[in-house]
Amino acid sequence: MSGDLYDTRWLVVLRHAKSAWPDVPDVKRPLGKRGHRDAPKAGVWLRDHGRAPDQVLCSPARRTRETWQLAATRLAASPPVTYDRRVYGADTTLLLRAIADCPEWATTLLLIGHCPGVQDLTLYLAGDDSDEGALERVRTKFPTSGIAVLAVPTGWTGLASGVGRLTEFAVPRG
């Protein structure tokens, strides 16, 4: 990975917490009981591991918005949030485009989205120097409330295959 410690940015990828399955369109599905327990724990994890974001990029789906709202209650700051339609149901290419539009001043960007997009993006960005245990867990499954942390040596517009270093993968549960 090029660049020194001071050039490093952090892309934190969070899959929404567990949703309910009422008879509503997919985009309007709310969090389920477990999701309401787990989402605040994701916020605790972000805070306790020094990964509180400067900027949030979130799918506009109800379950992702609710995940952020509950996680945010456990953070000391209130970063700006962009609800971007491109993140809902997105593949890696669309996610990269949405990330590229984020402000360059943000050194820690939290992306809240859906599978398989968040899993595919994490695997696409993870380079050879990634934590092998974390990488294997992401390959196996990216469960609800899963959090992947990638160190990237470039601005948000320069993300490419293998440029990141997956440093952590956690699944906080309530």
Protein backbone atom coordinates (compact mmCIF):
# COMPACT_ATOMS: atom_id res chain seq x y z
CA MET A 1 0.00 0.00 0.00
CA SER A 2 1.48 3.34 -1.00
CA GLY A 3 1.31 6.52 1.02
CA ASP A 4 2.14 7.04 4.65
CA LEU A 5 -0.12 6.84 7.67
CA TYR A 6 -1.19 10.46 7.27
CA ASP A 7 -2.42 9.85 3.70
CA THR A 8 -4.59 6.92 4.72
CA ARG A 9 -8.34 7.21 4.49
CA TRP A 10 -10.77 4.76 5.99
CA LEU A 11 -13.73 3.28 4.15
CA VAL A 12 -16.04 1.64 6.65
CA VAL A 13 -18.63 -0.58 4.99
CA LEU A 14 -21.72 -1.47 7.03
CA ARG A 15 -24.47 -3.80 5.93
CA HIS A 16 -27.83 -2.70 7.33
CA ALA A 17 -29.12 -4.43 10.45
CA LYS A 18 -31.63 -7.30 10.25
CA SER A 19 -34.86 -6.25 8.56
CA ALA A 20 -38.44 -7.37 8.94
CA TRP A 21 -40.42 -8.83 6.04
CA PRO A 22 -43.83 -7.13 6.08
CA ASP A 23 -45.89 -6.98 2.90
CA VAL A 24 -44.37 -3.71 1.63
CA PRO A 25 -42.06 -2.86 -1.27
CA ASP A 26 -38.43 -3.85 -0.60
CA VAL A 27 -37.24 -0.24 -0.25
CA LYS A 28 -39.78 0.32 2.55
CA ARG A 29 -38.88 -2.72 4.67
CA PRO A 30 -38.17 -1.65 8.27
CA LEU A 31 -35.72 -3.12 10.73
CA GLY A 32 -36.91 -6.16 12.61
CA LYS A 33 -36.64 -6.76 16.34
CA ARG A 34 -33.08 -8.09 16.05
CA GLY A 35 -32.13 -5.15 13.83
CA HIS A 36 -33.30 -2.72 16.50
CA ARG A 37 -30.99 -4.50 18.98
CA ASP A 38 -27.99 -4.80 16.64
CA ALA A 39 -27.87 -1.36 14.98
CA PRO A 40 -26.93 0.53 18.19
CA LYS A 41 -24.21 -2.06 18.80
CA ALA A 42 -22.76 -1.19 15.40
CA GLY A 43 -22.54 2.41 16.58
CA VAL A 44 -20.81 1.30 19.79
CA TRP A 45 -18.33 -0.72 17.74
CA LEU A 46 -17.58 2.24 15.45
CA ARG A 47 -17.04 4.51 18.45
CA ASP A 48 -14.97 2.06 20.49
CA HIS A 49 -12.72 1.14 17.54
CA GLY A 50 -12.03 4.73 16.46
CA ARG A 51 -14.05 4.42 13.27
CA ALA A 52 -16.65 7.13 13.81
CA PRO A 53 -17.22 8.65 10.36
CA ASP A 54 -16.63 12.18 9.07
CA GLN A 55 -19.20 11.53 6.34
CA VAL A 56 -21.94 8.94 5.84
CA LEU A 57 -23.11 7.61 2.48
CA CYS A 58 -26.34 5.69 2.94
CA SER A 59 -28.87 3.90 0.81
CA PRO A 60 -32.28 5.60 1.04
CA ALA A 61 -34.00 2.30 1.89
CA ARG A 62 -35.86 2.40 5.17
CA ARG A 63 -33.77 -0.35 6.80
CA THR A 64 -30.47 1.41 6.03
CA ARG A 65 -31.77 4.78 7.25
CA GLU A 66 -33.01 3.16 10.47
CA THR A 67 -29.67 1.36 10.91
CA TRP A 68 -27.83 4.69 10.68
CA GLN A 69 -30.27 6.50 12.98
CA LEU A 70 -29.83 3.87 15.70
CA ALA A 71 -26.05 3.53 15.25
CA ALA A 72 -25.62 7.31 15.32
CA THR A 73 -27.12 7.50 18.81
CA ARG A 74 -23.95 5.83 20.10
CA LEU A 75 -21.51 8.27 18.49
CA ALA A 76 -20.28 11.53 19.97
CA ALA A 77 -20.56 13.44 16.67
CA SER A 78 -23.23 13.96 14.02
CA PRO A 79 -21.50 13.69 10.65
CA PRO A 80 -23.22 14.82 7.46
CA VAL A 81 -25.26 12.10 5.75
CA THR A 82 -25.97 11.68 2.05
CA TYR A 83 -28.85 9.37 1.14
CA ASP A 84 -27.90 8.27 -2.36
CA ARG A 85 -30.24 6.24 -4.57
CA ARG A 86 -27.23 4.70 -6.30
CA VAL A 87 -26.38 2.78 -3.13
CA TYR A 88 -29.71 0.90 -3.06
CA GLY A 89 -29.28 -2.42 -4.84
CA ALA A 90 -25.95 -1.26 -6.26
CA ASP A 91 -23.14 -3.27 -7.76
CA THR A 92 -19.47 -2.40 -7.26
CA THR A 93 -19.38 0.05 -10.18
CA LEU A 94 -22.31 2.10 -8.88
CA LEU A 95 -20.96 2.07 -5.35
CA LEU A 96 -17.59 3.34 -6.57
CA ARG A 97 -19.31 6.16 -8.46
CA ALA A 98 -21.29 7.16 -5.36
CA ILE A 99 -18.14 7.05 -3.19
CA ALA A 100 -16.23 9.14 -5.76
CA ASP A 101 -18.78 11.94 -5.25
CA CYS A 102 -18.09 12.12 -1.51
CA PRO A 103 -16.15 15.10 -0.17
CA GLU A 104 -12.39 14.74 -0.30
CA TRP A 105 -12.04 16.27 3.18
CA ALA A 106 -13.66 13.16 4.70
CA THR A 107 -10.95 10.86 6.07
CA THR A 108 -13.40 8.24 7.39
CA LEU A 109 -16.35 7.46 5.16
CA LEU A 110 -19.13 5.16 6.35
CA LEU A 111 -21.05 3.42 3.56
CA ILE A 112 -24.33 1.79 4.67
CA GLY A 113 -25.76 -0.52 2.07
CA HIS A 114 -26.98 -3.93 1.05
CA CYS A 115 -25.69 -7.35 0.02
CA PRO A 116 -24.35 -8.43 -2.33
CA GLY A 117 -23.05 -4.92 -3.12
CA VAL A 118 -21.23 -4.28 0.16
CA GLN A 119 -19.60 -7.72 0.10
CA ASP A 120 -18.57 -7.41 -3.55
CA LEU A 121 -17.16 -3.91 -3.00
CA THR A 122 -15.13 -5.02 0.01
CA LEU A 123 -13.67 -8.00 -1.87
CA TYR A 124 -12.94 -5.81 -4.92
CA LEU A 125 -11.02 -3.22 -2.91
CA ALA A 126 -9.18 -5.61 -0.56
CA GLY A 127 -5.54 -5.96 -1.60
CA ASP A 128 -2.94 -8.63 -0.95
CA ASP A 129 -1.86 -7.07 2.34
CA SER A 130 -5.35 -7.44 3.86
CA ASP A 131 -5.93 -9.29 7.11
CA GLU A 132 -6.40 -12.86 5.86
CA GLY A 133 -8.83 -13.86 8.62
CA ALA A 134 -11.04 -10.85 7.98
CA LEU A 135 -10.87 -11.43 4.24
CA GLU A 136 -11.94 -15.07 4.59
CA ARG A 137 -14.89 -14.09 6.80
CA VAL A 138 -16.03 -11.51 4.21
CA ARG A 139 -15.69 -14.12 1.44
CA THR A 140 -17.80 -16.59 3.42
CA LYS A 141 -20.60 -14.22 4.44
CA PHE A 142 -21.28 -10.52 5.02
CA PRO A 143 -24.12 -10.79 7.55
CA THR A 144 -26.49 -8.05 8.61
CA SER A 145 -24.74 -5.49 10.84
CA GLY A 146 -21.40 -6.64 9.45
CA ILE A 147 -18.70 -3.97 9.38
CA ALA A 148 -15.65 -4.09 7.09
CA VAL A 149 -12.86 -1.54 7.57
CA LEU A 150 -10.59 -0.77 4.63
CA ALA A 151 -7.54 1.48 4.74
CA VAL A 152 -7.14 3.20 1.38
CA PRO A 153 -4.13 5.29 0.30
CA THR A 154 -6.01 7.48 -2.11
CA GLY A 155 -8.85 9.95 -2.38
CA TRP A 156 -12.37 8.70 -2.95
CA THR A 157 -12.06 9.17 -6.72
CA GLY A 158 -8.97 6.93 -6.95
CA LEU A 159 -10.41 3.67 -5.64
CA ALA A 160 -9.58 0.64 -7.77
CA SER A 161 -9.28 -3.12 -7.50
CA GLY A 162 -6.91 -4.23 -4.73
CA VAL A 163 -6.00 -0.69 -3.62
CA GLY A 164 -7.33 -1.14 -0.07
CA ARG A 165 -6.18 -3.09 2.94
CA LEU A 166 -8.98 -4.85 4.82
CA THR A 167 -7.94 -4.38 8.43
CA GLU A 168 -11.02 -5.51 10.35
CA PHE A 169 -14.31 -7.32 9.92
CA ALA A 170 -16.78 -7.43 12.79
CA VAL A 171 -20.41 -8.33 13.32
CA PRO A 172 -21.65 -6.46 16.41
CA ARG A 173 -24.73 -8.02 17.95
CA GLY A 174 -27.14 -6.70 20.54
